[in-house]
Amino acid sequence: METLIVHPENKAQLNAMKQVLKAMKISFEKEEKPYNPEFVEKILKGDQDFSERKFTKVDLDNLWK
């Protein structure tokens, strides 16, 4: 048999696909991929830096200079 990978664009499509598969008695599995831990660490570090006011504010008039 073949394995299909489906990429629904929204929750409505996902729910519809699940209902069709269940109605046809086709087994399926759900796989959730967690975010890359390094990426999460960078985001949390950025939030912490912002809370501690460790950031540079750029005036919009000087943004492209």
PDB file of N, CA and C in Angstrom:
ATOM      1  N   MET A   1       0.827  -1.194   0.000  1.00  0.00           N
ATOM      2  CA  MET A   1       0.000   0.000   0.000  1.00  0.00           C
ATOM      3  C   MET A   1       0.864   1.247   0.000  1.00  0.00           C
ATOM      4  N   GLU A   2       0.240   2.355  -0.310  1.00  0.00           N
ATOM      5  CA  GLU A   2       0.912   3.650  -0.326  1.00  0.00           C
ATOM      6  C   GLU A   2       0.621   4.415   0.956  1.00  0.00           C
ATOM      7  N   THR A   3       1.487   5.332   1.262  1.00  0.00           N
ATOM      8  CA  THR A   3       1.258   6.258   2.364  1.00  0.00           C
ATOM      9  C   THR A   3       1.083   7.641   1.766  1.00  0.00           C
ATOM     10  N   LEU A   4       0.036   8.322   2.173  1.00  0.00           N
ATOM     11  CA  LEU A   4      -0.231   9.667   1.691  1.00  0.00           C
ATOM     12  C   LEU A   4       0.046  10.667   2.804  1.00  0.00           C
ATOM     13  N   ILE A   5       0.640  11.764   2.444  1.00  0.00           N
ATOM     14  CA  ILE A   5       0.845  12.855   3.395  1.00  0.00           C
ATOM     15  C   ILE A   5      -0.020  14.004   2.918  1.00  0.00           C
ATOM     16  N   VAL A   6      -0.930  14.441   3.770  1.00  0.00           N
ATOM     17  CA  VAL A   6      -1.902  15.474   3.418  1.00  0.00           C
ATOM     18  C   VAL A   6      -1.528  16.758   4.148  1.00  0.00           C
ATOM     19  N   HIS A   7      -1.644  17.882   3.457  1.00  0.00           N
ATOM     20  CA  HIS A   7      -1.315  19.180   4.046  1.00  0.00           C
ATOM     21  C   HIS A   7      -2.545  20.085   4.007  1.00  0.00           C
ATOM     22  N   PRO A   8      -3.455  19.935   4.966  1.00  0.00           N
ATOM     23  CA  PRO A   8      -4.634  20.813   4.981  1.00  0.00           C
ATOM     24  C   PRO A   8      -4.211  22.254   5.253  1.00  0.00           C
ATOM     25  N   GLU A   9      -4.963  23.180   4.676  1.00  0.00           N
ATOM     26  CA  GLU A   9      -4.627  24.597   4.813  1.00  0.00           C
ATOM     27  C   GLU A   9      -5.268  25.240   6.034  1.00  0.00           C
ATOM     28  N   ASN A  10      -6.249  24.563   6.624  1.00  0.00           N
ATOM     29  CA  ASN A  10      -6.900  25.133   7.804  1.00  0.00           C
ATOM     30  C   ASN A  10      -7.565  24.013   8.599  1.00  0.00           C
ATOM     31  N   LYS A  11      -8.119  24.369   9.750  1.00  0.00           N
ATOM     32  CA  LYS A  11      -8.734  23.362  10.632  1.00  0.00           C
ATOM     33  C   LYS A  11      -9.962  22.724  10.006  1.00  0.00           C
ATOM     34  N   ALA A  12     -10.720  23.491   9.227  1.00  0.00           N
ATOM     35  CA  ALA A  12     -11.923  22.946   8.590  1.00  0.00           C
ATOM     36  C   ALA A  12     -11.546  21.816   7.639  1.00  0.00           C
ATOM     37  N   GLN A  13     -10.507  22.026   6.851  1.00  0.00           N
ATOM     38  CA  GLN A  13     -10.052  20.978   5.935  1.00  0.00           C
ATOM     39  C   GLN A  13      -9.548  19.763   6.710  1.00  0.00           C
ATOM     40  N   LEU A  14      -8.825  20.010   7.782  1.00  0.00           N
ATOM     41  CA  LEU A  14      -8.309  18.913   8.600  1.00  0.00           C
ATOM     42  C   LEU A  14      -9.449  18.087   9.179  1.00  0.00           C
ATOM     43  N   ASN A  15     -10.445  18.759   9.740  1.00  0.00           N
ATOM     44  CA  ASN A  15     -11.587  18.048  10.322  1.00  0.00           C
ATOM     45  C   ASN A  15     -12.355  17.279   9.262  1.00  0.00           C
ATOM     46  N   ALA A  16     -12.541  17.872   8.089  1.00  0.00           N
ATOM     47  CA  ALA A  16     -13.248  17.190   7.001  1.00  0.00           C
ATOM     48  C   ALA A  16     -12.486  15.937   6.579  1.00  0.00           C
ATOM     49  N   MET A  17     -11.173  16.052   6.460  1.00  0.00           N
ATOM     50  CA  MET A  17     -10.359  14.903   6.062  1.00  0.00           C
ATOM     51  C   MET A  17     -10.452  13.788   7.100  1.00  0.00           C
ATOM     52  N   LYS A  18     -10.412  14.138   8.368  1.00  0.00           N
ATOM     53  CA  LYS A  18     -10.540  13.131   9.425  1.00  0.00           C
ATOM     54  C   LYS A  18     -11.891  12.440   9.362  1.00  0.00           C
ATOM     55  N   GLN A  19     -12.954  13.200   9.127  1.00  0.00           N
ATOM     56  CA  GLN A  19     -14.299  12.624   9.048  1.00  0.00           C
ATOM     57  C   GLN A  19     -14.415  11.662   7.872  1.00  0.00           C
ATOM     58  N   VAL A  20     -13.849  12.038   6.731  1.00  0.00           N
ATOM     59  CA  VAL A  20     -13.892  11.165   5.549  1.00  0.00           C
ATOM     60  C   VAL A  20     -13.142   9.868   5.834  1.00  0.00           C
ATOM     61  N   LEU A  21     -11.967   9.978   6.404  1.00  0.00           N
ATOM     62  CA  LEU A  21     -11.174   8.783   6.704  1.00  0.00           C
ATOM     63  C   LEU A  21     -11.888   7.872   7.694  1.00  0.00           C
ATOM     64  N   LYS A  22     -12.493   8.465   8.717  1.00  0.00           N
ATOM     65  CA  LYS A  22     -13.234   7.659   9.691  1.00  0.00           C
ATOM     66  C   LYS A  22     -14.437   6.996   9.040  1.00  0.00           C
ATOM     67  N   ALA A  23     -15.158   7.728   8.191  1.00  0.00           N
ATOM     68  CA  ALA A  23     -16.342   7.180   7.523  1.00  0.00           C
ATOM     69  C   ALA A  23     -15.967   6.014   6.614  1.00  0.00           C
ATOM     70  N   MET A  24     -14.792   6.095   6.002  1.00  0.00           N
ATOM     71  CA  MET A  24     -14.342   5.025   5.107  1.00  0.00           C
ATOM     72  C   MET A  24     -13.579   3.936   5.857  1.00  0.00           C
ATOM     73  N   LYS A  25     -13.490   4.080   7.183  1.00  0.00           N
ATOM     74  CA  LYS A  25     -12.785   3.122   8.036  1.00  0.00           C
ATOM     75  C   LYS A  25     -11.333   2.941   7.591  1.00  0.00           C
ATOM     76  N   ILE A  26     -10.709   4.069   7.297  1.00  0.00           N
ATOM     77  CA  ILE A  26      -9.293   4.086   6.930  1.00  0.00           C
ATOM     78  C   ILE A  26      -8.519   4.569   8.154  1.00  0.00           C
ATOM     79  N   SER A  27      -7.574   3.759   8.584  1.00  0.00           N
ATOM     80  CA  SER A  27      -6.805   4.152   9.765  1.00  0.00           C
ATOM     81  C   SER A  27      -5.825   5.268   9.396  1.00  0.00           C
ATOM     82  N   PHE A  28      -5.578   6.121  10.352  1.00  0.00           N
ATOM     83  CA  PHE A  28      -4.616   7.207  10.156  1.00  0.00           C
ATOM     84  C   PHE A  28      -3.955   7.510  11.479  1.00  0.00           C
ATOM     85  N   GLU A  29      -2.809   8.137  11.404  1.00  0.00           N
ATOM     86  CA  GLU A  29      -2.099   8.516  12.613  1.00  0.00           C
ATOM     87  C   GLU A  29      -1.788   9.998  12.569  1.00  0.00           C
ATOM     88  N   LYS A  30      -1.734  10.563  13.742  1.00  0.00           N
ATOM     89  CA  LYS A  30      -1.446  11.986  13.882  1.00  0.00           C
ATOM     90  C   LYS A  30      -0.026  12.120  14.402  1.00  0.00           C
ATOM     91  N   GLU A  31       0.753  12.962  13.750  1.00  0.00           N
ATOM     92  CA  GLU A  31       2.129  13.179  14.183  1.00  0.00           C
ATOM     93  C   GLU A  31       2.339  14.672  14.370  1.00  0.00           C
ATOM     94  N   GLU A  32       2.674  15.041  15.572  1.00  0.00           N
ATOM     95  CA  GLU A  32       2.940  16.447  15.848  1.00  0.00           C
ATOM     96  C   GLU A  32       4.437  16.633  15.966  1.00  0.00           C
ATOM     97  N   LYS A  33       4.923  17.634  15.273  1.00  0.00           N
ATOM     98  CA  LYS A  33       6.345  17.921  15.324  1.00  0.00           C
ATOM     99  C   LYS A  33       6.563  19.119  16.242  1.00  0.00           C
ATOM    100  N   PRO A  34       7.312  18.919  17.308  1.00  0.00           N
ATOM    101  CA  PRO A  34       7.574  20.053  18.206  1.00  0.00           C
ATOM    102  C   PRO A  34       8.526  21.040  17.530  1.00  0.00           C
ATOM    103  N   TYR A  35       8.511  22.259  18.018  1.00  0.00           N
ATOM    104  CA  TYR A  35       9.437  23.259  17.496  1.00  0.00           C
ATOM    105  C   TYR A  35      10.868  22.850  17.806  1.00  0.00           C
ATOM    106  N   ASN A  36      11.778  23.298  16.981  1.00  0.00           N
ATOM    107  CA  ASN A  36      13.195  23.063  17.189  1.00  0.00           C
ATOM    108  C   ASN A  36      13.591  23.695  18.528  1.00  0.00           C
ATOM    109  N   PRO A  37      14.187  22.928  19.445  1.00  0.00           N
ATOM    110  CA  PRO A  37      14.534  23.458  20.774  1.00  0.00           C
ATOM    111  C   PRO A  37      15.444  24.686  20.713  1.00  0.00           C
ATOM    112  N   GLU A  38      16.362  24.732  19.742  1.00  0.00           N
ATOM    113  CA  GLU A  38      17.241  25.895  19.618  1.00  0.00           C
ATOM    114  C   GLU A  38      16.427  27.142  19.268  1.00  0.00           C
ATOM    115  N   PHE A  39      15.445  26.983  18.400  1.00  0.00           N
ATOM    116  CA  PHE A  39      14.581  28.094  18.010  1.00  0.00           C
ATOM    117  C   PHE A  39      13.785  28.591  19.212  1.00  0.00           C
ATOM    118  N   VAL A  40      13.225  27.667  19.971  1.00  0.00           N
ATOM    119  CA  VAL A  40      12.441  28.036  21.157  1.00  0.00           C
ATOM    120  C   VAL A  40      13.322  28.792  22.146  1.00  0.00           C
ATOM    121  N   GLU A  41      14.548  28.317  22.324  1.00  0.00           N
ATOM    122  CA  GLU A  41      15.474  28.975  23.249  1.00  0.00           C
ATOM    123  C   GLU A  41      15.756  30.417  22.812  1.00  0.00           C
ATOM    124  N   LYS A  42      15.940  30.631  21.506  1.00  0.00           N
ATOM    125  CA  LYS A  42      16.197  31.985  20.997  1.00  0.00           C
ATOM    126  C   LYS A  42      14.998  32.897  21.229  1.00  0.00           C
ATOM    127  N   ILE A  43      13.799  32.381  21.008  1.00  0.00           N
ATOM    128  CA  ILE A  43      12.584  33.176  21.212  1.00  0.00           C
ATOM    129  C   ILE A  43      12.446  33.553  22.687  1.00  0.00           C
ATOM    130  N   LEU A  44      12.643  32.589  23.571  1.00  0.00           N
ATOM    131  CA  LEU A  44      12.538  32.862  25.005  1.00  0.00           C
ATOM    132  C   LEU A  44      13.610  33.849  25.460  1.00  0.00           C
ATOM    133  N   LYS A  45      14.807  33.727  24.905  1.00  0.00           N
ATOM    134  CA  LYS A  45      15.887  34.665  25.237  1.00  0.00           C
ATOM    135  C   LYS A  45      15.508  36.069  24.782  1.00  0.00           C
ATOM    136  N   GLY A  46      14.919  36.187  23.597  1.00  0.00           N
ATOM    137  CA  GLY A  46      14.478  37.487  23.099  1.00  0.00           C
ATOM    138  C   GLY A  46      13.413  38.100  23.989  1.00  0.00           C
ATOM    139  N   ASP A  47      12.475  37.281  24.442  1.00  0.00           N
ATOM    140  CA  ASP A  47      11.437  37.770  25.362  1.00  0.00           C
ATOM    141  C   ASP A  47      12.057  38.259  26.669  1.00  0.00           C
ATOM    142  N   GLN A  48      13.021  37.495  27.167  1.00  0.00           N
ATOM    143  CA  GLN A  48      13.689  37.873  28.416  1.00  0.00           C
ATOM    144  C   GLN A  48      14.458  39.183  28.224  1.00  0.00           C
ATOM    145  N   ASP A  49      15.192  39.291  27.117  1.00  0.00           N
ATOM    146  CA  ASP A  49      15.935  40.522  26.840  1.00  0.00           C
ATOM    147  C   ASP A  49      14.988  41.714  26.757  1.00  0.00           C
ATOM    148  N   PHE A  50      13.851  41.535  26.115  1.00  0.00           N
ATOM    149  CA  PHE A  50      12.883  42.626  25.992  1.00  0.00           C
ATOM    150  C   PHE A  50      12.360  43.028  27.370  1.00  0.00           C
ATOM    151  N   SER A  51      12.061  42.037  28.202  1.00  0.00           N
ATOM    152  CA  SER A  51      11.568  42.322  29.555  1.00  0.00           C
ATOM    153  C   SER A  51      12.602  43.093  30.374  1.00  0.00           C
ATOM    154  N   GLU A  52      13.871  42.775  30.129  1.00  0.00           N
ATOM    155  CA  GLU A  52      14.958  43.441  30.848  1.00  0.00           C
ATOM    156  C   GLU A  52      15.412  44.723  30.138  1.00  0.00           C
ATOM    157  N   ARG A  53      14.650  45.130  29.136  1.00  0.00           N
ATOM    158  CA  ARG A  53      14.909  46.351  28.361  1.00  0.00           C
ATOM    159  C   ARG A  53      16.273  46.322  27.676  1.00  0.00           C
ATOM    160  N   LYS A  54      16.703  45.128  27.254  1.00  0.00           N
ATOM    161  CA  LYS A  54      17.962  44.974  26.521  1.00  0.00           C
ATOM    162  C   LYS A  54      17.640  44.915  25.024  1.00  0.00           C
ATOM    163  N   PHE A  55      17.329  46.063  24.461  1.00  0.00           N
ATOM    164  CA  PHE A  55      17.025  46.116  23.038  1.00  0.00           C
ATOM    165  C   PHE A  55      17.393  47.485  22.499  1.00  0.00           C
ATOM    166  N   THR A  56      17.439  47.587  21.198  1.00  0.00           N
ATOM    167  CA  THR A  56      17.745  48.850  20.543  1.00  0.00           C
ATOM    168  C   THR A  56      16.505  49.323  19.809  1.00  0.00           C
ATOM    169  N   LYS A  57      16.125  50.552  20.067  1.00  0.00           N
ATOM    170  CA  LYS A  57      14.964  51.131  19.406  1.00  0.00           C
ATOM    171  C   LYS A  57      15.459  51.925  18.201  1.00  0.00           C
ATOM    172  N   VAL A  58      14.891  51.647  17.029  1.00  0.00           N
ATOM    173  CA  VAL A  58      15.282  52.331  15.808  1.00  0.00           C
ATOM    174  C   VAL A  58      14.129  53.218  15.369  1.00  0.00           C
ATOM    175  N   ASP A  59      14.416  54.492  15.185  1.00  0.00           N
ATOM    176  CA  ASP A  59      13.421  55.451  14.712  1.00  0.00           C
ATOM    177  C   ASP A  59      13.085  55.122  13.253  1.00  0.00           C
ATOM    178  N   LEU A  60      11.826  55.101  12.911  1.00  0.00           N
ATOM    179  CA  LEU A  60      11.418  54.752  11.553  1.00  0.00           C
ATOM    180  C   LEU A  60      12.034  55.673  10.505  1.00  0.00           C
ATOM    181  N   ASP A  61      12.256  56.930  10.853  1.00  0.00           N
ATOM    182  CA  ASP A  61      12.854  57.867   9.903  1.00  0.00           C
ATOM    183  C   ASP A  61      14.306  57.505   9.593  1.00  0.00           C
ATOM    184  N   ASN A  62      14.956  56.810  10.506  1.00  0.00           N
ATOM    185  CA  ASN A  62      16.362  56.434  10.320  1.00  0.00           C
ATOM    186  C   ASN A  62      16.539  54.957   9.975  1.00  0.00           C
ATOM    187  N   LEU A  63      15.455  54.285   9.708  1.00  0.00           N
ATOM    188  CA  LEU A  63      15.516  52.840   9.492  1.00  0.00           C
ATOM    189  C   LEU A  63      16.388  52.469   8.298  1.00  0.00           C
ATOM    190  N   TRP A  64      16.304  53.208   7.207  1.00  0.00           N
ATOM    191  CA  TRP A  64      17.022  52.837   5.989  1.00  0.00           C
ATOM    192  C   TRP A  64      18.280  53.678   5.773  1.00  0.00           C
ATOM    193  N   LYS A  65      18.772  54.332   6.801  1.00  0.00           N
ATOM    194  CA  LYS A  65      19.985  55.154   6.660  1.00  0.00           C
ATOM    195  C   LYS A  65      21.209  54.380   7.077  1.00  0.00           C
TER     196      LYS A  65
END
